[in-house]
């Protein structure tokens, strides 16, 4: 019985890795782009902005946007990953493309009061490995999509100080896939392995607050905070094709893999701060910091409807810090040049590193342009994202699964980001 319980826990581990998927995206795999003009400046826009995307970065700055403004945007993220195996010495690579998108609308009611609505993807992306790669019993596909519906209000308390408060309604949809070896059930022959898929979704609610303070006519200090969000995830696990079990005991062991289940994840607290300096009439620069509170993510518990008891899976994540540097140079009344740099720590320790999303510290190098033609605005940015190499050294074979399942080795990743935003002022 102890062997069966240990084997079942090992087989269901990718389902439990849902928490790793979502949180990895918030740290080393953060969705850096919530507006093309912001990305071009390395997201160093917590203390200054000319775009409705400030709803995400610092909604207190909405008071500096006149009239009613609307902005639509999307980003093509071209991600490449490579795994170099330690035991086999072989390489496996994969390429993925994602399109996180944004919608913002702001309206200035008076010199003191502004309001807006933002819809964006705060966490996301995914990983898809070859179906025959060394770690296929851990993960073949991991995909997460989130939508944040963020209404917000900004109020200017005094001429130099504005504050904002908003609501975060977050929808989560996740899909996890991997292979299961038939040998785990004492089977052999043509049905050497089968696929397992977990799909789940859920909704959570949080809040955000922000402030912007003009120290003088040239220097502004900005700060923004988003609360943690608890999300209950409802989902189900299925296998295809199904093994033909010759004896009831084996079938009883396999049954929990086709079951409805529940888990919960907690998206992290996020805080940013920035200092913008209007150096000359055409040049504005900003430096900022970002903090994400992942230290509260200690473990994840999965509950199955068939009353199968599973132990909690340790995660033991830690808080992560990031740095933003950026600048905007206004060439003329219609065109600005943008440049920036982003650094972000990984929140995942070596002990719980998971190839479903090979998280790592990241460096992002950004350039872009921001143009205005009468009532229309258009921004385009390019960024190159380089992840530091990550090495995995544990031994998952000790959990009871046969074959090469550890996927120990070196993980390398990089990405190209092409962002486009279109705006209109009424």
Protein backbone atom coordinates (compact mmCIF):
# COMPACT_ATOMS: atom_id res chain seq x y z
CA UNK A 1 0.00 0.00 0.00
CA UNK A 2 2.86 2.43 0.75
CA UNK A 3 4.33 1.75 -2.71
CA UNK A 4 0.98 2.47 -4.37
CA UNK A 5 0.54 5.72 -2.45
CA UNK A 6 4.07 6.87 -3.29
CA UNK A 7 3.61 6.01 -6.95
CA UNK A 8 0.29 7.82 -7.13
CA UNK A 9 1.83 10.92 -5.58
CA UNK A 10 4.61 10.86 -8.18
CA UNK A 11 2.16 10.47 -11.04
CA UNK A 12 -0.02 13.35 -9.89
CA UNK A 13 2.90 15.71 -9.25
CA UNK A 14 2.47 17.62 -12.55
CA UNK A 15 -1.12 18.45 -11.53
CA UNK A 16 0.20 19.88 -8.30
CA UNK A 17 2.76 21.95 -10.24
CA UNK A 18 -0.06 24.31 -11.25
CA UNK A 19 1.14 26.72 -8.57
CA UNK A 20 4.64 26.70 -10.01
CA UNK A 21 3.31 27.51 -13.44
CA UNK A 22 1.44 30.61 -12.41
CA UNK A 23 4.06 31.96 -10.07
CA UNK A 24 7.00 31.37 -12.32
CA UNK A 25 5.39 33.67 -14.83
CA UNK A 26 5.26 36.43 -12.21
CA UNK A 27 8.99 36.24 -11.51
CA UNK A 28 11.54 35.06 -14.11
CA UNK A 29 8.75 34.60 -16.63
CA UNK A 30 6.81 37.78 -15.84
CA UNK A 31 4.69 39.21 -18.64
CA UNK A 32 6.79 42.34 -19.09
CA UNK A 33 4.59 43.98 -21.68
CA UNK A 34 1.39 45.81 -20.75
CA UNK A 35 1.89 48.62 -23.25
CA UNK A 36 4.36 49.18 -26.08
CA UNK A 37 5.50 52.63 -24.91
CA UNK A 38 6.12 51.27 -21.41
CA UNK A 39 8.04 48.24 -22.69
CA UNK A 40 10.27 50.49 -24.79
CA UNK A 41 11.32 52.22 -21.55
CA UNK A 42 11.97 48.97 -19.68
CA UNK A 43 8.68 49.43 -17.78
CA UNK A 44 10.30 52.32 -15.90
CA UNK A 45 7.02 54.28 -15.97
CA UNK A 46 5.83 54.16 -12.35
CA UNK A 47 6.53 57.89 -11.95
CA UNK A 48 5.68 59.27 -15.41
CA UNK A 49 3.41 58.30 -18.29
CA UNK A 50 1.70 59.65 -21.43
CA UNK A 51 -0.34 56.47 -21.99
CA UNK A 52 -3.57 54.91 -20.64
CA UNK A 53 -1.44 51.83 -19.84
CA UNK A 54 -0.59 53.72 -16.65
CA UNK A 55 -3.68 51.92 -15.27
CA UNK A 56 -1.38 48.92 -14.85
CA UNK A 57 1.85 50.69 -13.87
CA UNK A 58 0.55 53.55 -11.70
CA UNK A 59 -3.12 54.58 -12.03
CA UNK A 60 -2.53 57.70 -9.90
CA UNK A 61 -0.95 59.22 -13.03
CA UNK A 62 -4.31 59.10 -14.84
CA UNK A 63 -4.86 62.68 -13.61
CA UNK A 64 -2.23 63.80 -16.11
CA UNK A 65 -4.17 62.36 -19.08
CA UNK A 66 -6.68 64.77 -20.63
CA UNK A 67 -10.14 63.94 -21.93
CA UNK A 68 -11.13 60.36 -22.76
CA UNK A 69 -8.41 58.07 -24.08
CA UNK A 70 -8.57 54.50 -25.38
CA UNK A 71 -5.66 52.15 -26.10
CA UNK A 72 -5.45 48.65 -27.58
CA UNK A 73 -2.24 46.66 -27.68
CA UNK A 74 -0.66 43.28 -28.16
CA UNK A 75 2.80 41.73 -28.03
CA UNK A 76 4.28 38.84 -29.96
CA UNK A 77 6.54 36.89 -27.59
CA UNK A 78 8.82 34.48 -29.45
CA UNK A 79 10.30 32.20 -26.79
CA UNK A 80 13.09 29.64 -27.32
CA UNK A 81 14.19 27.09 -24.73
CA UNK A 82 16.91 24.45 -24.72
CA UNK A 83 17.61 21.58 -22.32
CA UNK A 84 21.05 19.96 -22.16
CA UNK A 85 20.82 16.59 -20.41
CA UNK A 86 23.42 15.66 -17.80
CA UNK A 87 23.00 11.86 -17.88
CA UNK A 88 22.44 11.47 -21.64
CA UNK A 89 24.34 14.46 -22.98
CA UNK A 90 21.55 15.14 -25.48
CA UNK A 91 19.85 18.44 -26.27
CA UNK A 92 16.13 19.18 -26.56
CA UNK A 93 14.71 22.51 -27.68
CA UNK A 94 11.31 24.09 -28.23
CA UNK A 95 9.93 27.35 -29.61
CA UNK A 96 6.66 28.96 -28.56
CA UNK A 97 4.75 32.10 -29.51
CA UNK A 98 2.30 33.99 -27.30
CA UNK A 99 0.23 37.16 -27.72
CA UNK A 100 -0.62 38.82 -24.38
CA UNK A 101 -2.92 41.75 -25.13
CA UNK A 102 -4.25 44.86 -23.41
CA UNK A 103 -7.21 47.24 -23.43
CA UNK A 104 -7.36 50.51 -21.50
CA UNK A 105 -9.79 53.40 -21.31
CA UNK A 106 -9.40 56.52 -19.12
CA UNK A 107 -11.61 59.55 -18.56
CA UNK A 108 -10.83 62.80 -16.79
CA UNK A 109 -13.95 64.15 -15.05
CA UNK A 110 -12.22 67.19 -13.53
CA UNK A 111 -8.78 68.44 -12.52
CA UNK A 112 -9.09 66.25 -9.40
CA UNK A 113 -10.98 63.13 -10.51
CA UNK A 114 -10.20 60.51 -13.18
CA UNK A 115 -11.34 56.92 -13.71
CA UNK A 116 -10.40 54.06 -15.97
CA UNK A 117 -10.66 50.39 -16.84
CA UNK A 118 -7.86 48.05 -17.82
CA UNK A 119 -8.01 44.48 -19.15
CA UNK A 120 -4.67 42.68 -19.40
CA UNK A 121 -2.80 39.41 -18.82
CA UNK A 122 -0.80 39.79 -15.56
CA UNK A 123 0.55 36.21 -15.55
CA UNK A 124 0.80 33.77 -18.42
CA UNK A 125 2.71 32.09 -21.23
CA UNK A 126 3.75 28.43 -21.07
CA UNK A 127 6.14 25.68 -22.12
CA UNK A 128 5.74 22.85 -24.63
CA UNK A 129 8.45 20.18 -24.77
CA UNK A 130 8.82 17.42 -27.36
CA UNK A 131 6.54 14.46 -26.57
CA UNK A 132 9.60 12.16 -26.45
CA UNK A 133 11.96 14.34 -24.44
CA UNK A 134 13.76 13.03 -21.37
CA UNK A 135 11.46 14.77 -18.90
CA UNK A 136 8.17 13.79 -20.58
CA UNK A 137 7.01 12.05 -17.38
CA UNK A 138 7.29 15.43 -15.61
CA UNK A 139 5.81 17.74 -18.25
CA UNK A 140 5.21 17.99 -22.00
CA UNK A 141 2.96 21.06 -22.04
CA UNK A 142 2.25 23.73 -19.42
CA UNK A 143 0.02 26.63 -20.32
CA UNK A 144 -1.52 29.37 -18.19
CA UNK A 145 -3.80 32.23 -19.25
CA UNK A 146 -4.99 34.96 -16.87
CA UNK A 147 -7.20 37.99 -17.41
CA UNK A 148 -7.33 40.91 -15.00
CA UNK A 149 -10.36 43.23 -15.17
CA UNK A 150 -9.16 46.32 -13.32
CA UNK A 151 -11.52 49.29 -12.75
CA UNK A 152 -9.73 52.14 -10.97
CA UNK A 153 -10.31 55.70 -9.72
CA UNK A 154 -7.67 58.41 -9.25
CA UNK A 155 -8.07 61.53 -7.09
CA UNK A 156 -5.76 64.54 -6.84
CA UNK A 157 -5.59 65.38 -3.12
CA UNK A 158 -3.42 68.49 -3.54
CA UNK A 159 -1.81 69.90 -6.70
CA UNK A 160 1.36 67.85 -6.13
CA UNK A 161 -0.21 64.57 -4.88
CA UNK A 162 -2.59 62.10 -6.55
CA UNK A 163 -3.75 58.74 -5.20
CA UNK A 164 -5.64 55.85 -6.79
CA UNK A 165 -7.54 52.74 -5.76
CA UNK A 166 -8.84 49.89 -7.90
CA UNK A 167 -10.24 46.35 -7.98
CA UNK A 168 -8.50 43.32 -9.54
CA UNK A 169 -10.83 40.58 -10.79
CA UNK A 170 -8.59 37.80 -12.11
CA UNK A 171 -9.67 34.82 -14.23
CA UNK A 172 -7.28 31.86 -14.41
CA UNK A 173 -7.23 29.04 -16.97
CA UNK A 174 -4.52 26.36 -16.87
CA UNK A 175 -3.64 23.24 -18.88
CA UNK A 176 -0.91 20.76 -17.89
CA UNK A 177 0.10 17.72 -19.93
CA UNK A 178 2.71 14.94 -19.62
CA UNK A 179 3.28 11.23 -20.25
CA UNK A 180 2.75 8.26 -17.93
CA UNK A 181 4.86 5.08 -18.39
CA UNK A 182 2.86 1.85 -18.66
CA UNK A 183 5.60 0.18 -16.63
CA UNK A 184 4.38 2.14 -13.63
CA UNK A 185 1.33 -0.15 -13.67
CA UNK A 186 3.17 -3.37 -14.42
CA UNK A 187 2.22 -3.23 -18.11
CA UNK A 188 4.42 -3.71 -21.13
CA UNK A 189 4.08 -4.05 -24.88
CA UNK A 190 2.80 -1.60 -27.47
CA UNK A 191 1.05 0.61 -24.89
CA UNK A 192 4.38 1.70 -23.38
CA UNK A 193 3.05 5.04 -22.18
CA UNK A 194 -0.05 7.21 -22.25
CA UNK A 195 -0.82 10.91 -22.00
CA UNK A 196 -2.24 12.67 -18.97
CA UNK A 197 -3.93 16.08 -19.08
CA UNK A 198 -5.12 18.36 -16.30
CA UNK A 199 -7.32 21.35 -17.14
CA UNK A 200 -8.70 23.77 -14.58
CA UNK A 201 -9.92 27.31 -14.07
CA UNK A 202 -10.87 29.70 -11.29
CA UNK A 203 -11.49 33.31 -10.29
CA UNK A 204 -9.97 35.52 -7.59
CA UNK A 205 -10.41 39.11 -6.40
CA UNK A 206 -7.84 41.57 -5.09
CA UNK A 207 -7.19 45.31 -4.98
CA UNK A 208 -4.57 47.85 -6.00
CA UNK A 209 -3.52 51.27 -4.69
CA UNK A 210 -1.07 53.85 -6.04
CA UNK A 211 0.31 57.35 -5.51
CA UNK A 212 2.23 59.96 -7.50
CA UNK A 213 3.94 62.94 -5.86
CA UNK A 214 5.62 65.83 -7.69
CA UNK A 215 8.66 66.78 -5.63
CA UNK A 216 9.09 69.79 -7.95
CA UNK A 217 8.36 70.59 -11.60
CA UNK A 218 11.11 68.20 -12.79
CA UNK A 219 11.04 65.27 -10.34
CA UNK A 220 8.15 62.88 -9.61
CA UNK A 221 8.01 59.97 -7.18
CA UNK A 222 5.56 57.16 -7.94
CA UNK A 223 4.54 53.98 -6.11
CA UNK A 224 2.03 51.22 -6.85
CA UNK A 225 0.84 48.14 -4.94
CA UNK A 226 -1.27 45.14 -5.99
CA UNK A 227 -2.56 42.76 -3.33
CA UNK A 228 -2.13 38.99 -3.38
CA UNK A 229 -5.06 37.15 -4.96
CA UNK A 230 -6.34 33.78 -3.77
CA UNK A 231 -7.72 31.62 -6.60
CA UNK A 232 -9.60 28.34 -6.09
CA UNK A 233 -8.94 26.20 -9.16
CA UNK A 234 -11.54 23.63 -10.25
CA UNK A 235 -10.40 21.06 -12.78
CA UNK A 236 -10.15 17.48 -13.92
CA UNK A 237 -7.47 15.01 -14.91
CA UNK A 238 -7.86 12.62 -17.85
CA UNK A 239 -5.75 10.07 -19.70
CA UNK A 240 -5.69 9.20 -23.40
CA UNK A 241 -5.49 6.55 -24.64
CA UNK A 242 -6.64 4.52 -21.64
CA UNK A 243 -4.66 1.46 -20.59
CA UNK A 244 -6.42 -1.91 -20.67
CA UNK A 245 -6.02 -3.16 -17.10
CA UNK A 246 -5.91 -6.95 -16.70
CA UNK A 247 -6.54 -7.00 -12.96
CA UNK A 248 -8.74 -4.95 -10.58
CA UNK A 249 -5.84 -3.87 -8.33
CA UNK A 250 -4.06 -2.14 -11.23
CA UNK A 251 -7.28 -0.51 -12.35
CA UNK A 252 -7.90 0.74 -8.83
CA UNK A 253 -4.45 2.35 -8.82
CA UNK A 254 -5.04 4.05 -12.17
CA UNK A 255 -8.55 5.32 -11.41
CA UNK A 256 -7.42 8.42 -9.43
CA UNK A 257 -5.70 9.72 -12.58
CA UNK A 258 -9.15 10.25 -14.19
CA UNK A 259 -10.79 12.40 -11.56
CA UNK A 260 -12.16 15.84 -10.79
CA UNK A 261 -9.93 17.78 -8.43
CA UNK A 262 -9.49 21.10 -6.66
CA UNK A 263 -6.51 23.13 -5.60
CA UNK A 264 -5.79 26.76 -4.80
CA UNK A 265 -3.05 29.15 -5.78
CA UNK A 266 -2.08 32.57 -4.44
CA UNK A 267 -0.84 35.14 -6.90
CA UNK A 268 1.77 37.35 -5.23
CA UNK A 269 1.69 40.79 -3.74
CA UNK A 270 3.43 43.21 -6.09
CA UNK A 271 4.94 46.60 -5.27
CA UNK A 272 6.77 49.02 -7.55
CA UNK A 273 8.37 52.41 -6.98
CA UNK A 274 10.05 54.81 -9.36
CA UNK A 275 11.69 58.22 -9.52
CA UNK A 276 11.33 60.18 -12.78
CA UNK A 277 13.55 63.13 -13.66
CA UNK A 278 12.71 65.59 -16.43
CA UNK A 279 16.35 66.26 -17.36
CA UNK A 280 15.72 68.67 -20.24
CA UNK A 281 12.71 69.68 -22.32
CA UNK A 282 13.00 66.58 -24.56
CA UNK A 283 14.51 64.02 -22.11
CA UNK A 284 12.88 62.17 -19.21
CA UNK A 285 14.59 59.31 -17.37
CA UNK A 286 13.34 57.01 -14.63
CA UNK A 287 14.75 54.39 -12.29
CA UNK A 288 12.52 51.96 -10.44
CA UNK A 289 12.35 48.82 -8.33
CA UNK A 290 9.85 45.96 -8.22
CA UNK A 291 9.08 43.49 -5.42
CA UNK A 292 6.95 40.32 -5.52
CA UNK A 293 5.98 38.49 -2.33
CA UNK A 294 6.39 34.82 -3.14
CA UNK A 295 7.67 33.82 0.31
CA UNK A 296 4.08 33.02 1.36
CA UNK A 297 3.99 30.21 -1.24
CA UNK A 298 5.23 27.31 0.89
CA UNK A 299 3.24 24.34 -0.41
CA UNK A 300 0.36 23.29 -2.62
CA UNK A 301 -2.40 20.81 -1.75
CA UNK A 302 -4.52 18.92 -4.29
CA UNK A 303 -7.87 17.45 -3.29
CA UNK A 304 -9.55 14.79 -5.47
CA UNK A 305 -13.27 14.06 -5.54
CA UNK A 306 -12.66 10.32 -5.28
CA UNK A 307 -11.35 10.86 -1.72
CA UNK A 308 -7.76 10.01 -2.63
CA UNK A 309 -5.55 11.60 0.02
CA UNK A 310 -2.45 13.29 -1.38
CA UNK A 311 0.33 14.91 0.65
CA UNK A 312 1.04 18.61 0.15
CA UNK A 313 3.80 19.45 -2.32
CA UNK A 314 6.52 21.76 -1.00
CA UNK A 315 7.38 24.86 -3.03
CA UNK A 316 9.27 27.09 -0.55
CA UNK A 317 9.49 30.07 -2.89
CA UNK A 318 11.13 33.31 -1.85
CA UNK A 319 10.44 36.99 -2.49
CA UNK A 320 11.95 38.41 -5.67
CA UNK A 321 13.28 41.84 -6.60
CA UNK A 322 13.65 43.59 -9.94
CA UNK A 323 15.22 46.75 -11.33
CA UNK A 324 13.96 49.05 -14.11
CA UNK A 325 15.88 51.78 -15.94
CA UNK A 326 14.41 53.73 -18.83
CA UNK A 327 14.36 56.93 -20.82
CA UNK A 328 12.18 58.87 -23.26
CA UNK A 329 13.59 61.44 -25.70
CA UNK A 330 11.07 63.67 -27.50
CA UNK A 331 12.55 64.32 -30.95
CA UNK A 332 9.75 66.67 -31.97
CA UNK A 333 6.07 67.27 -31.30
CA UNK A 334 5.12 63.98 -32.97
CA UNK A 335 7.88 61.44 -32.31
CA UNK A 336 9.73 60.12 -29.23
CA UNK A 337 12.55 57.57 -28.91
CA UNK A 338 12.50 55.04 -26.05
CA UNK A 339 15.08 52.80 -24.39
CA UNK A 340 15.25 50.73 -21.21
CA UNK A 341 16.56 47.78 -19.24
CA UNK A 342 14.87 45.32 -16.84
CA UNK A 343 16.43 42.89 -14.37
CA UNK A 344 14.37 40.35 -12.44
CA UNK A 345 15.29 37.71 -9.88
CA UNK A 346 13.92 34.18 -9.91
CA UNK A 347 11.65 33.27 -7.00
CA UNK A 348 12.15 29.49 -7.40
CA UNK A 349 14.84 27.76 -5.29
CA UNK A 350 16.90 24.91 -6.73
CA UNK A 351 15.11 22.44 -4.46
CA UNK A 352 11.74 22.95 -6.18
CA UNK A 353 12.83 23.95 -9.70
CA UNK A 354 10.39 22.45 -12.23
CA UNK A 355 10.89 22.12 -16.02
CA UNK A 356 7.19 22.74 -16.62
CA UNK A 357 8.34 26.39 -16.56
CA UNK A 358 12.16 26.65 -16.31
CA UNK A 359 12.22 29.87 -14.27
CA UNK A 360 15.44 31.88 -13.99
CA UNK A 361 16.78 35.36 -13.37
CA UNK A 362 16.19 37.53 -16.43
CA UNK A 363 17.65 40.52 -18.30
CA UNK A 364 15.53 42.51 -20.78
CA UNK A 365 16.97 45.08 -23.21
CA UNK A 366 14.37 47.41 -24.76
CA UNK A 367 14.04 50.04 -27.49
CA UNK A 368 11.01 51.67 -29.09
CA UNK A 369 9.21 54.65 -30.57
CA UNK A 370 6.09 56.56 -29.55
CA UNK A 371 4.32 58.72 -32.15
CA UNK A 372 1.30 61.02 -32.07
CA UNK A 373 -0.70 62.21 -35.07
CA UNK A 374 -3.52 64.57 -34.12
CA UNK A 375 -5.87 62.37 -32.03
CA UNK A 376 -4.11 59.09 -32.81
CA UNK A 377 -1.18 57.53 -30.96
CA UNK A 378 0.95 54.58 -32.00
CA UNK A 379 3.83 52.95 -30.14
CA UNK A 380 6.12 50.14 -31.24
CA UNK A 381 8.83 48.46 -29.16
CA UNK A 382 11.29 45.60 -29.41
CA UNK A 383 12.88 43.82 -26.47
CA UNK A 384 15.34 40.96 -26.13
CA UNK A 385 14.88 38.87 -22.98
CA UNK A 386 17.78 36.70 -21.81
CA UNK A 387 17.37 34.19 -19.00
CA UNK A 388 20.36 33.08 -16.97
CA UNK A 389 21.20 29.37 -17.26
CA UNK A 390 19.49 27.14 -14.71
CA UNK A 391 20.68 23.69 -13.59
CA UNK A 392 18.49 20.92 -12.21
CA UNK A 393 20.18 18.22 -10.11
CA UNK A 394 17.53 16.27 -8.15
CA UNK A 395 16.52 12.65 -8.71
CA UNK A 396 12.83 12.08 -9.29
CA UNK A 397 13.41 8.39 -10.02
CA UNK A 398 13.49 7.86 -6.26
CA UNK A 399 9.73 8.58 -6.24
CA UNK A 400 9.07 5.22 -7.87
CA UNK A 401 8.76 6.04 -11.58
CA UNK A 402 10.84 3.90 -13.94
CA UNK A 403 12.99 5.27 -16.75
CA UNK A 404 14.71 8.65 -17.28
CA UNK A 405 12.37 11.01 -15.47
CA UNK A 406 14.64 13.41 -13.60
CA UNK A 407 15.38 15.70 -16.58
CA UNK A 408 18.55 16.78 -14.80
CA UNK A 409 20.75 19.16 -16.73
CA UNK A 410 21.01 22.76 -17.89
CA UNK A 411 18.06 24.88 -19.04
CA UNK A 412 18.63 27.88 -21.32
CA UNK A 413 15.98 30.32 -22.54
CA UNK A 414 15.61 33.61 -24.38
CA UNK A 415 12.79 35.56 -26.03
CA UNK A 416 12.12 38.28 -28.59
CA UNK A 417 9.25 40.68 -27.82
CA UNK A 418 7.51 42.82 -30.46
CA UNK A 419 4.91 45.16 -28.94
CA UNK A 420 2.36 47.38 -30.68
CA UNK A 421 -0.15 49.78 -29.11
CA UNK A 422 -2.76 51.97 -30.83
CA UNK A 423 -4.47 54.83 -29.02
CA UNK A 424 -7.12 57.47 -29.65
CA UNK A 425 -8.03 60.61 -27.73
CA UNK A 426 -11.63 61.79 -27.83
